[in-house]
C-alpha atoms as a PDB file:
ATOM      1  CA  UNK A   1      10.938 -22.985  -4.061  1.00  0.00           C
ATOM      2  CA  UNK A   2      10.686 -19.726  -6.498  1.00  0.00           C
ATOM      3  CA  UNK A   3      14.158 -18.483  -6.545  1.00  0.00           C
ATOM      4  CA  UNK A   4      14.505 -14.559  -5.843  1.00  0.00           C
ATOM      5  CA  UNK A   5      14.167 -11.570  -8.396  1.00  0.00           C
ATOM      6  CA  UNK A   6      17.276  -9.750  -9.020  1.00  0.00           C
ATOM      7  CA  UNK A   7      16.961  -6.508  -7.127  1.00  0.00           C
ATOM      8  CA  UNK A   8      19.416  -4.543  -5.408  1.00  0.00           C
ATOM      9  CA  UNK A   9      20.426  -4.258  -1.785  1.00  0.00           C
ATOM     10  CA  UNK A  10      21.718  -8.681  -0.114  1.00  0.00           C
ATOM     11  CA  UNK A  11      24.237  -6.829   1.487  1.00  0.00           C
ATOM     12  CA  UNK A  12      24.338  -9.568   3.607  1.00  0.00           C
ATOM     13  CA  UNK A  13      25.726 -11.954   0.978  1.00  0.00           C
ATOM     14  CA  UNK A  14      28.653  -9.725  -0.345  1.00  0.00           C
ATOM     15  CA  UNK A  15      29.987  -9.729   3.146  1.00  0.00           C
ATOM     16  CA  UNK A  16      30.082 -13.431   3.223  1.00  0.00           C
ATOM     17  CA  UNK A  17      31.418 -13.542  -0.077  1.00  0.00           C
ATOM     18  CA  UNK A  18      33.784 -11.059   0.392  1.00  0.00           C
ATOM     19  CA  UNK A  19      34.105 -10.486   4.051  1.00  0.00           C
ATOM     20  CA  UNK A  20      34.349  -7.451   6.622  1.00  0.00           C
ATOM     21  CA  UNK A  21      32.289  -6.046   9.015  1.00  0.00           C
ATOM     22  CA  UNK A  22      28.358  -4.105   7.657  1.00  0.00           C
ATOM     23  CA  UNK A  23      29.558  -1.069   9.162  1.00  0.00           C
ATOM     24  CA  UNK A  24      32.684  -0.866   6.609  1.00  0.00           C
ATOM     25  CA  UNK A  25      30.604  -1.179   3.778  1.00  0.00           C
ATOM     26  CA  UNK A  26      28.607   0.956   2.049  1.00  0.00           C
ATOM     27  CA  UNK A  27      25.925  -0.144  -0.241  1.00  0.00           C
ATOM     28  CA  UNK A  28      24.685   1.859  -3.444  1.00  0.00           C
ATOM     29  CA  UNK A  29      22.861  -1.114  -5.108  1.00  0.00           C
ATOM     30  CA  UNK A  30      20.197   0.553  -3.989  1.00  0.00           C
ATOM     31  CA  UNK A  31      18.292   3.997  -5.212  1.00  0.00           C
ATOM     32  CA  UNK A  32      17.649   5.557  -1.642  1.00  0.00           C
ATOM     33  CA  UNK A  33      17.666   8.851  -0.801  1.00  0.00           C
ATOM     34  CA  UNK A  34      21.576   8.808   1.511  1.00  0.00           C
ATOM     35  CA  UNK A  35      20.593  11.814   3.164  1.00  0.00           C
ATOM     36  CA  UNK A  36      16.933  10.996   5.387  1.00  0.00           C
ATOM     37  CA  UNK A  37      13.995  12.932   6.097  1.00  0.00           C
ATOM     38  CA  UNK A  38      14.855  13.803   9.346  1.00  0.00           C
ATOM     39  CA  UNK A  39      12.746  11.684  12.819  1.00  0.00           C
ATOM     40  CA  UNK A  40      10.287  13.873  13.788  1.00  0.00           C
ATOM     41  CA  UNK A  41       9.497  13.509  17.854  1.00  0.00           C
ATOM     42  CA  UNK A  42       6.419  10.621  17.631  1.00  0.00           C
ATOM     43  CA  UNK A  43       3.656  11.369  20.040  1.00  0.00           C
ATOM     44  CA  UNK A  44       4.110   7.348  22.207  1.00  0.00           C
ATOM     45  CA  UNK A  45       0.432   6.662  20.005  1.00  0.00           C
ATOM     46  CA  UNK A  46       1.526   6.065  17.424  1.00  0.00           C
ATOM     47  CA  UNK A  47       2.988   2.954  18.782  1.00  0.00           C
ATOM     48  CA  UNK A  48       1.026   2.290  21.736  1.00  0.00           C
ATOM     49  CA  UNK A  49      -2.125   2.450  19.396  1.00  0.00           C
ATOM     50  CA  UNK A  50      -3.992   1.009  16.632  1.00  0.00           C
ATOM     51  CA  UNK A  51      -3.591   3.448  13.665  1.00  0.00           C
ATOM     52  CA  UNK A  52      -6.141   6.528  14.291  1.00  0.00           C
ATOM     53  CA  UNK A  53      -8.325   6.887  10.955  1.00  0.00           C
ATOM     54  CA  UNK A  54      -8.059  11.455  11.928  1.00  0.00           C
ATOM     55  CA  UNK A  55      -4.024  10.843  10.893  1.00  0.00           C
ATOM     56  CA  UNK A  56      -4.581   8.751   8.248  1.00  0.00           C
ATOM     57  CA  UNK A  57      -6.745  11.719   7.247  1.00  0.00           C
ATOM     58  CA  UNK A  58      -4.460  14.279   7.264  1.00  0.00           C
ATOM     59  CA  UNK A  59      -2.056  12.216   5.755  1.00  0.00           C
ATOM     60  CA  UNK A  60      -3.930  12.055   2.850  1.00  0.00           C
ATOM     61  CA  UNK A  61      -4.679  15.263   3.135  1.00  0.00           C
ATOM     62  CA  UNK A  62      -0.949  16.038   2.661  1.00  0.00           C
ATOM     63  CA  UNK A  63      -0.501  13.933   0.080  1.00  0.00           C
ATOM     64  CA  UNK A  64      -3.426  15.847  -2.215  1.00  0.00           C
ATOM     65  CA  UNK A  65      -1.320  19.014  -1.207  1.00  0.00           C
ATOM     66  CA  UNK A  66       2.452  17.419  -1.659  1.00  0.00           C
ATOM     67  CA  UNK A  67       1.502  16.144  -5.786  1.00  0.00           C
ATOM     68  CA  UNK A  68      -0.764  18.154  -6.256  1.00  0.00           C
ATOM     69  CA  UNK A  69      -3.521  14.894  -6.862  1.00  0.00           C
ATOM     70  CA  UNK A  70      -6.368  15.989  -9.120  1.00  0.00           C
ATOM     71  CA  UNK A  71      -9.546  16.374  -7.405  1.00  0.00           C
ATOM     72  CA  UNK A  72     -11.544  13.204  -9.618  1.00  0.00           C
ATOM     73  CA  UNK A  73      -8.947  10.576  -8.089  1.00  0.00           C
ATOM     74  CA  UNK A  74      -8.564   9.307  -4.900  1.00  0.00           C
ATOM     75  CA  UNK A  75      -5.354   7.896  -2.370  1.00  0.00           C
ATOM     76  CA  UNK A  76      -4.860   5.631  -0.872  1.00  0.00           C
ATOM     77  CA  UNK A  77      -1.342   5.129   1.443  1.00  0.00           C
ATOM     78  CA  UNK A  78      -0.449   1.693   1.404  1.00  0.00           C
ATOM     79  CA  UNK A  79       2.760  -0.439   3.471  1.00  0.00           C
ATOM     80  CA  UNK A  80       4.560   0.386   0.266  1.00  0.00           C
ATOM     81  CA  UNK A  81       4.866   1.089  -3.455  1.00  0.00           C
ATOM     82  CA  UNK A  82       5.373  -3.031  -2.976  1.00  0.00           C
ATOM     83  CA  UNK A  83       2.261  -4.480  -2.087  1.00  0.00           C
ATOM     84  CA  UNK A  84       0.423  -1.989  -3.779  1.00  0.00           C
ATOM     85  CA  UNK A  85       2.312  -3.864  -7.249  1.00  0.00           C
ATOM     86  CA  UNK A  86       2.100  -7.736  -6.198  1.00  0.00           C
ATOM     87  CA  UNK A  87      -2.090  -6.430  -5.759  1.00  0.00           C
ATOM     88  CA  UNK A  88      -3.172  -4.468  -8.028  1.00  0.00           C
ATOM     89  CA  UNK A  89      -3.051  -7.440 -11.240  1.00  0.00           C
ATOM     90  CA  UNK A  90      -5.187  -9.054  -9.158  1.00  0.00           C
ATOM     91  CA  UNK A  91      -8.232  -6.264  -8.680  1.00  0.00           C
ATOM     92  CA  UNK A  92      -8.942  -7.249 -12.955  1.00  0.00           C
ATOM     93  CA  UNK A  93     -10.419 -10.539 -14.989  1.00  0.00           C
ATOM     94  CA  UNK A  94      -6.704 -11.815 -16.125  1.00  0.00           C
ATOM     95  CA  UNK A  95      -5.749 -10.552 -19.776  1.00  0.00           C
ATOM     96  CA  UNK A  96      -2.692  -8.976 -21.462  1.00  0.00           C
ATOM     97  CA  UNK A  97       0.036  -7.018 -19.899  1.00  0.00           C
ATOM     98  CA  UNK A  98       2.713  -4.807 -21.291  1.00  0.00           C
ATOM     99  CA  UNK A  99       5.895  -4.632 -19.375  1.00  0.00           C
ATOM    100  CA  UNK A 100       8.359  -2.358 -21.472  1.00  0.00           C
ATOM    101  CA  UNK A 101      11.618  -3.136 -20.596  1.00  0.00           C
ATOM    102  CA  UNK A 102      13.913  -4.286 -18.900  1.00  0.00           C
ATOM    103  CA  UNK A 103      12.943  -2.542 -15.872  1.00  0.00           C
ATOM    104  CA  UNK A 104      12.025  -3.261 -12.141  1.00  0.00           C
ATOM    105  CA  UNK A 105      10.912  -6.729 -12.497  1.00  0.00           C
ATOM    106  CA  UNK A 106       8.325  -6.676  -9.412  1.00  0.00           C
ATOM    107  CA  UNK A 107       5.219  -5.519 -12.309  1.00  0.00           C
ATOM    108  CA  UNK A 108       5.831  -9.178 -13.951  1.00  0.00           C
ATOM    109  CA  UNK A 109       6.427 -10.941 -11.811  1.00  0.00           C
ATOM    110  CA  UNK A 110       2.769  -9.890  -9.661  1.00  0.00           C
ATOM    111  CA  UNK A 111       0.563  -9.753 -13.351  1.00  0.00           C
ATOM    112  CA  UNK A 112       2.300 -13.340 -13.915  1.00  0.00           C
ATOM    113  CA  UNK A 113       0.994 -14.494 -10.453  1.00  0.00           C
ATOM    114  CA  UNK A 114      -2.358 -13.218 -10.968  1.00  0.00           C
ATOM    115  CA  UNK A 115      -2.360 -15.167 -14.536  1.00  0.00           C
ATOM    116  CA  UNK A 116      -1.625 -12.295 -16.893  1.00  0.00           C
ATOM    117  CA  UNK A 117      -0.036 -13.164 -19.673  1.00  0.00           C
ATOM    118  CA  UNK A 118       2.700 -10.461 -20.112  1.00  0.00           C
ATOM    119  CA  UNK A 119       2.856  -9.527 -23.985  1.00  0.00           C
ATOM    120  CA  UNK A 120       3.762  -6.042 -25.645  1.00  0.00           C
ATOM    121  CA  UNK A 121       1.587  -6.560 -29.016  1.00  0.00           C
ATOM    122  CA  UNK A 122      -1.995  -6.079 -28.096  1.00  0.00           C
ATOM    123  CA  UNK A 123      -3.297  -5.838 -24.189  1.00  0.00           C
ATOM    124  CA  UNK A 124      -6.211  -5.151 -22.025  1.00  0.00           C
ATOM    125  CA  UNK A 125      -3.396  -3.068 -19.118  1.00  0.00           C
ATOM    126  CA  UNK A 126       0.321  -1.490 -19.319  1.00  0.00           C
ATOM    127  CA  UNK A 127       2.555  -0.455 -16.506  1.00  0.00           C
ATOM    128  CA  UNK A 128       5.161   2.074 -17.205  1.00  0.00           C
ATOM    129  CA  UNK A 129       7.765   2.771 -15.378  1.00  0.00           C
ATOM    130  CA  UNK A 130       8.230   6.763 -15.078  1.00  0.00           C
ATOM    131  CA  UNK A 131      11.356   7.142 -14.747  1.00  0.00           C
ATOM    132  CA  UNK A 132      12.562   3.662 -16.056  1.00  0.00           C
ATOM    133  CA  UNK A 133      14.096   1.490 -13.063  1.00  0.00           C
ATOM    134  CA  UNK A 134      17.423   1.570 -14.528  1.00  0.00           C
ATOM    135  CA  UNK A 135      17.326   3.119 -17.305  1.00  0.00           C
ATOM    136  CA  UNK A 136      15.782   6.228 -16.111  1.00  0.00           C
ATOM    137  CA  UNK A 137      13.513   7.091 -19.441  1.00  0.00           C
ATOM    138  CA  UNK A 138      10.451   8.995 -18.889  1.00  0.00           C
ATOM    139  CA  UNK A 139       7.008   8.311 -20.839  1.00  0.00           C
ATOM    140  CA  UNK A 140       5.676   9.506 -23.551  1.00  0.00           C
ATOM    141  CA  UNK A 141       1.722  10.164 -21.357  1.00  0.00           C
ATOM    142  CA  UNK A 142       0.073   9.156 -25.441  1.00  0.00           C
ATOM    143  CA  UNK A 143       0.896   6.445 -24.682  1.00  0.00           C
ATOM    144  CA  UNK A 144      -0.597   5.050 -21.854  1.00  0.00           C
ATOM    145  CA  UNK A 145      -3.864   4.428 -23.137  1.00  0.00           C
ATOM    146  CA  UNK A 146      -5.130   0.864 -21.884  1.00  0.00           C
ATOM    147  CA  UNK A 147      -8.387  -0.348 -19.873  1.00  0.00           C
ATOM    148  CA  UNK A 148      -5.723  -0.014 -16.949  1.00  0.00           C
ATOM    149  CA  UNK A 149      -3.161   1.756 -16.322  1.00  0.00           C
ATOM    150  CA  UNK A 150      -0.259   1.260 -13.916  1.00  0.00           C
ATOM    151  CA  UNK A 151       2.333   4.429 -14.130  1.00  0.00           C
ATOM    152  CA  UNK A 152       5.117   3.900 -11.553  1.00  0.00           C
ATOM    153  CA  UNK A 153       6.313   6.799  -9.830  1.00  0.00           C
ATOM    154  CA  UNK A 154       8.549   5.460  -7.121  1.00  0.00           C
ATOM    155  CA  UNK A 155      11.441   7.461  -8.556  1.00  0.00           C
ATOM    156  CA  UNK A 156       9.923  10.492  -9.502  1.00  0.00           C
ATOM    157  CA  UNK A 157      10.205  12.908  -6.952  1.00  0.00           C
ATOM    158  CA  UNK A 158      13.053  13.978  -8.338  1.00  0.00           C
ATOM    159  CA  UNK A 159      11.932  14.969 -10.547  1.00  0.00           C
ATOM    160  CA  UNK A 160       8.489  16.583 -10.267  1.00  0.00           C
ATOM    161  CA  UNK A 161       8.052  18.382 -12.870  1.00  0.00           C
ATOM    162  CA  UNK A 162       7.543  15.367 -15.214  1.00  0.00           C
ATOM    163  CA  UNK A 163       5.258  13.613 -13.087  1.00  0.00           C
ATOM    164  CA  UNK A 164       2.600  12.447 -14.702  1.00  0.00           C
ATOM    165  CA  UNK A 165      -0.032  12.816 -11.886  1.00  0.00           C
ATOM    166  CA  UNK A 166      -2.543  14.648 -13.823  1.00  0.00           C
ATOM    167  CA  UNK A 167      -3.081  11.162 -15.213  1.00  0.00           C
ATOM    168  CA  UNK A 168      -4.785   9.806 -12.568  1.00  0.00           C
ATOM    169  CA  UNK A 169      -8.174  11.695 -12.855  1.00  0.00           C
ATOM    170  CA  UNK A 170      -8.549   9.417 -16.257  1.00  0.00           C
ATOM    171  CA  UNK A 171     -10.700   6.286 -15.582  1.00  0.00           C
ATOM    172  CA  UNK A 172      -8.410   3.244 -14.928  1.00  0.00           C
ATOM    173  CA  UNK A 173      -5.230   4.696 -14.142  1.00  0.00           C
ATOM    174  CA  UNK A 174      -3.320   4.427 -10.875  1.00  0.00           C
ATOM    175  CA  UNK A 175      -0.275   6.302  -9.848  1.00  0.00           C
ATOM    176  CA  UNK A 176       1.964   4.708  -7.103  1.00  0.00           C
ATOM    177  CA  UNK A 177       4.469   6.884  -5.131  1.00  0.00           C
ATOM    178  CA  UNK A 178       6.812   5.347  -2.990  1.00  0.00           C
ATOM    179  CA  UNK A 179       8.225   6.869   0.470  1.00  0.00           C
ATOM    180  CA  UNK A 180      10.723   5.045   1.102  1.00  0.00           C
ATOM    181  CA  UNK A 181      13.420   6.081  -2.159  1.00  0.00           C
ATOM    182  CA  UNK A 182      13.107  10.079  -1.627  1.00  0.00           C
ATOM    183  CA  UNK A 183      12.909  10.477   1.103  1.00  0.00           C
ATOM    184  CA  UNK A 184      15.552   7.837   2.432  1.00  0.00           C
ATOM    185  CA  UNK A 185      13.406   6.245   4.915  1.00  0.00           C
ATOM    186  CA  UNK A 186      12.614   2.307   3.029  1.00  0.00           C
ATOM    187  CA  UNK A 187      12.830   0.234   6.356  1.00  0.00           C
ATOM    188  CA  UNK A 188       8.967   3.039   7.044  1.00  0.00           C
ATOM    189  CA  UNK A 189       7.285   0.691   4.251  1.00  0.00           C
ATOM    190  CA  UNK A 190       4.987   3.800   3.014  1.00  0.00           C
ATOM    191  CA  UNK A 191       4.066   4.104  -0.152  1.00  0.00           C
ATOM    192  CA  UNK A 192       0.791   5.290  -2.378  1.00  0.00           C
ATOM    193  CA  UNK A 193      -1.429   4.814  -4.736  1.00  0.00           C
ATOM    194  CA  UNK A 194      -3.415   7.819  -6.813  1.00  0.00           C
ATOM    195  CA  UNK A 195      -5.961   7.070  -8.836  1.00  0.00           C
ATOM    196  CA  UNK A 196      -9.232   5.571 -10.086  1.00  0.00           C
ATOM    197  CA  UNK A 197     -12.021   5.719  -7.156  1.00  0.00           C
ATOM    198  CA  UNK A 198     -13.438   2.241  -8.159  1.00  0.00           C
ATOM    199  CA  UNK A 199      -9.323   0.654  -8.735  1.00  0.00           C
ATOM    200  CA  UNK A 200      -8.761   2.658  -5.024  1.00  0.00           C
ATOM    201  CA  UNK A 201     -11.891   0.853  -3.399  1.00  0.00           C
ATOM    202  CA  UNK A 202     -10.883  -2.631  -4.210  1.00  0.00           C
ATOM    203  CA  UNK A 203      -7.211  -2.114  -3.060  1.00  0.00           C
ATOM    204  CA  UNK A 204      -8.136  -0.758  -0.056  1.00  0.00           C
ATOM    205  CA  UNK A 205     -10.518  -3.733   0.753  1.00  0.00           C
ATOM    206  CA  UNK A 206      -7.824  -6.227  -0.219  1.00  0.00           C
ATOM    207  CA  UNK A 207      -5.069  -4.431   2.117  1.00  0.00           C
ATOM    208  CA  UNK A 208      -7.511  -4.851   4.632  1.00  0.00           C
ATOM    209  CA  UNK A 209      -8.374  -1.752   8.211  1.00  0.00           C
ATOM    210  CA  UNK A 210      -5.372  -1.091   9.590  1.00  0.00           C
ATOM    211  CA  UNK A 211      -2.630  -0.938   6.294  1.00  0.00           C
ATOM    212  CA  UNK A 212      -0.135   1.698   7.438  1.00  0.00           C
ATOM    213  CA  UNK A 213       1.788   1.729  10.885  1.00  0.00           C
ATOM    214  CA  UNK A 214       1.303   4.005  13.249  1.00  0.00           C
ATOM    215  CA  UNK A 215       4.829   5.958  12.735  1.00  0.00           C
ATOM    216  CA  UNK A 216       4.533   5.854   9.375  1.00  0.00           C
ATOM    217  CA  UNK A 217       1.414   8.168   9.240  1.00  0.00           C
ATOM    218  CA  UNK A 218       2.942  10.765  11.585  1.00  0.00           C
ATOM    219  CA  UNK A 219       6.384  10.585   9.466  1.00  0.00           C
ATOM    220  CA  UNK A 220       4.829  10.730   6.410  1.00  0.00           C
ATOM    221  CA  UNK A 221       2.623  13.770   7.613  1.00  0.00           C
ATOM    222  CA  UNK A 222       5.542  15.388   8.546  1.00  0.00           C
ATOM    223  CA  UNK A 223       7.621  15.248   5.539  1.00  0.00           C
ATOM    224  CA  UNK A 224       4.992  15.700   3.143  1.00  0.00           C
ATOM    225  CA  UNK A 225       3.776  18.818   5.147  1.00  0.00           C
ATOM    226  CA  UNK A 226       7.737  20.327   4.014  1.00  0.00           C
ATOM    227  CA  UNK A 227       8.371  21.292   0.602  1.00  0.00           C
ATOM    228  CA  UNK A 228      11.888  23.059   1.819  1.00  0.00           C
ATOM    229  CA  UNK A 229      13.346  19.939   2.856  1.00  0.00           C
ATOM    230  CA  UNK A 230      12.326  17.542  -0.433  1.00  0.00           C
ATOM    231  CA  UNK A 231      13.250  21.300  -3.406  1.00  0.00           C
ATOM    232  CA  UNK A 232      16.635  21.174  -1.143  1.00  0.00           C
ATOM    233  CA  UNK A 233      17.356  17.530  -1.278  1.00  0.00           C
ATOM    234  CA  UNK A 234      16.718  17.962  -5.346  1.00  0.00           C
ATOM    235  CA  UNK A 235      19.392  19.961  -5.905  1.00  0.00           C
ATOM    236  CA  UNK A 236      22.041  18.022  -3.570  1.00  0.00           C
ATOM    237  CA  UNK A 237      20.629  14.662  -5.090  1.00  0.00           C
ATOM    238  CA  UNK A 238      21.363  15.912  -8.448  1.00  0.00           C
ATOM    239  CA  UNK A 239      25.384  18.137  -7.792  1.00  0.00           C
ATOM    240  CA  UNK A 240      26.572  14.197  -6.318  1.00  0.00           C
ATOM    241  CA  UNK A 241      25.024  12.867  -9.274  1.00  0.00           C
ATOM    242  CA  UNK A 242      26.982  15.597 -11.160  1.00  0.00           C
ATOM    243  CA  UNK A 243      29.979  14.613  -9.228  1.00  0.00           C
ATOM    244  CA  UNK A 244      29.856  10.822  -9.590  1.00  0.00           C
ATOM    245  CA  UNK A 245      29.553  11.174 -12.915  1.00  0.00           C
ATOM    246  CA  UNK A 246      32.807  12.407 -13.600  1.00  0.00           C
ATOM    247  CA  UNK A 247      33.929   9.955 -11.306  1.00  0.00           C
ATOM    248  CA  UNK A 248      33.115   7.094 -13.049  1.00  0.00           C
ATOM    249  CA  UNK A 249      33.995   8.506 -16.691  1.00  0.00           C
ATOM    250  CA  UNK A 250      37.265   9.388 -15.764  1.00  0.00           C
ATOM    251  CA  UNK A 251      37.250   6.055 -15.689  1.00  0.00           C
ATOM    252  CA  UNK A 252      36.173   5.247 -18.566  1.00  0.00           C
ATOM    253  CA  UNK A 253      32.445   4.748 -18.085  1.00  0.00           C
ATOM    254  CA  UNK A 254      29.809   6.062 -19.502  1.00  0.00           C
ATOM    255  CA  UNK A 255      26.519   6.807 -18.900  1.00  0.00           C
ATOM    256  CA  UNK A 256      23.746   5.387 -19.579  1.00  0.00           C
ATOM    257  CA  UNK A 257      21.050   6.711 -18.063  1.00  0.00           C
ATOM    258  CA  UNK A 258      19.247   7.025 -14.663  1.00  0.00           C
ATOM    259  CA  UNK A 259      18.164   9.373 -11.641  1.00  0.00           C
ATOM    260  CA  UNK A 260      20.003  11.920  -9.511  1.00  0.00           C
ATOM    261  CA  UNK A 261      18.904   8.785  -7.006  1.00  0.00           C
ATOM    262  CA  UNK A 262      21.079   5.784  -9.028  1.00  0.00           C
ATOM    263  CA  UNK A 263      23.347   5.987 -11.737  1.00  0.00           C
ATOM    264  CA  UNK A 264      23.295   3.871 -15.132  1.00  0.00           C
ATOM    265  CA  UNK A 265      26.963   3.091 -16.228  1.00  0.00           C
ATOM    266  CA  UNK A 266      27.687   1.378 -19.217  1.00  0.00           C
ATOM    267  CA  UNK A 267      31.335  -0.392 -18.211  1.00  0.00           C
ATOM    268  CA  UNK A 268      33.459  -3.003 -20.468  1.00  0.00           C
ATOM    269  CA  UNK A 269      32.542  -6.167 -17.622  1.00  0.00           C
ATOM    270  CA  UNK A 270      30.038  -5.132 -14.926  1.00  0.00           C
ATOM    271  CA  UNK A 271      30.976  -8.769 -12.765  1.00  0.00           C
ATOM    272  CA  UNK A 272      34.699  -7.299 -12.610  1.00  0.00           C
ATOM    273  CA  UNK A 273      33.432  -3.721 -11.658  1.00  0.00           C
ATOM    274  CA  UNK A 274      31.277  -5.154  -8.892  1.00  0.00           C
ATOM    275  CA  UNK A 275      33.618  -7.241  -8.087  1.00  0.00           C
ATOM    276  CA  UNK A 276      37.030  -5.095  -8.190  1.00  0.00           C
ATOM    277  CA  UNK A 277      33.996  -2.308  -5.849  1.00  0.00           C
ATOM    278  CA  UNK A 278      33.549  -4.537  -3.348  1.00  0.00           C
ATOM    279  CA  UNK A 279      37.319  -5.280  -2.575  1.00  0.00           C
ATOM    280  CA  UNK A 280      36.744  -1.562  -1.335  1.00  0.00           C
ATOM    281  CA  UNK A 281      33.646  -2.848   0.741  1.00  0.00           C
ATOM    282  CA  UNK A 282      31.526  -0.995  -1.981  1.00  0.00           C
ATOM    283  CA  UNK A 283      28.231  -3.164  -3.400  1.00  0.00           C
ATOM    284  CA  UNK A 284      26.927  -2.420  -6.228  1.00  0.00           C
ATOM    285  CA  UNK A 285      24.249  -3.034  -8.376  1.00  0.00           C
ATOM    286  CA  UNK A 286      24.926  -5.332 -12.008  1.00  0.00           C
ATOM    287  CA  UNK A 287      22.269  -6.911 -14.347  1.00  0.00           C
ATOM    288  CA  UNK A 288      21.798 -10.354 -15.442  1.00  0.00           C
ATOM    289  CA  UNK A 289      20.285  -9.135 -18.955  1.00  0.00           C
ATOM    290  CA  UNK A 290      23.327  -6.700 -19.984  1.00  0.00           C
ATOM    291  CA  UNK A 291      27.045  -7.938 -18.779  1.00  0.00           C
ATOM    292  CA  UNK A 292      28.570  -3.971 -19.237  1.00  0.00           C
ATOM    293  CA  UNK A 293      25.881  -1.839 -16.875  1.00  0.00           C
ATOM    294  CA  UNK A 294      26.911  -1.350 -13.339  1.00  0.00           C
ATOM    295  CA  UNK A 295      24.363   0.538 -11.665  1.00  0.00           C
ATOM    296  CA  UNK A 296      25.282   3.474  -8.563  1.00  0.00           C
ATOM    297  CA  UNK A 297      23.510   4.986  -5.700  1.00  0.00           C
ATOM    298  CA  UNK A 298      24.642   8.378  -4.180  1.00  0.00           C
ATOM    299  CA  UNK A 299      26.952   7.978  -1.322  1.00  0.00           C
ATOM    300  CA  UNK A 300      25.924  10.254   2.082  1.00  0.00           C
ATOM    301  CA  UNK A 301      28.339  12.679   2.303  1.00  0.00           C
ATOM    302  CA  UNK A 302      30.601  11.433   5.083  1.00  0.00           C
ATOM    303  CA  UNK A 303      31.313   8.588   2.749  1.00  0.00           C
ATOM    304  CA  UNK A 304      32.935  10.111  -0.539  1.00  0.00           C
ATOM    305  CA  UNK A 305      36.124   9.251   0.321  1.00  0.00           C
ATOM    306  CA  UNK A 306      35.768   5.967   0.177  1.00  0.00           C
ATOM    307  CA  UNK A 307      34.213   6.257  -3.353  1.00  0.00           C
ATOM    308  CA  UNK A 308      37.094   7.556  -4.446  1.00  0.00           C
ATOM    309  CA  UNK A 309      39.657   5.563  -2.558  1.00  0.00           C
ATOM    310  CA  UNK A 310      38.615   2.835  -4.854  1.00  0.00           C
ATOM    311  CA  UNK A 311      38.928   4.539  -8.111  1.00  0.00           C
END
């Protein structure tokens, strides 16, 4: 059996090691908005009927408007960005793909599983995580020229002005959007693939009919039609990220990067810092390739006292 890849989450394992009840723990190992979009009232048919074509049409229209999608690009709703990440490499003949890192490791795993060679020299495809996870670096669009270009904007909704969605009009280009992170509803499993109509058509065929649930269609459509909530959320996340930075730098940590959904710090010993936080029932993210990197998401408004107490 292939060992699980390194990710945030895994709070059940932390509890098994450090004890406590789940309600005691604050999971800061992921980059999910801790103040989710308020759940709208759903019609009963969202749960009982097969996902409706008209509901999908409304969701796609609102996605186009929210992200200012070029008219030449196609838009496909998918069951989480990870579903598109897993399928995209299988839609083209294997070759060489450049995935500059360190970055989100599911891209390399998906390409390798589809027979591709991950190689940063000459390549038939490139993957750009924009902004990058975990350091938050953004990409120069002039570097993104490949027969297959995948731009993963899962964390870009906190910095909409930096979006490269305009590149979705180029042949061979796909921009991925995650709904769960910015809107704080990761369990809904909703994402979007936007770009080359030929690739989008192949991806739709690979995912099959009804890839997105009825509740996800309804909630996604409501959220994407609420730009005021998005603007206010960007402001709140920016303020909270500054607050977390001030707390960590006062303890001697250096800001390594990140976004306003997660912060990356350089510390003397990340494993020791993770253990210290775990004793305060706070779960954090460390990295096997950088023993001095500690990543923290943001706590919800009513849990800041727990973070303050840990330091």
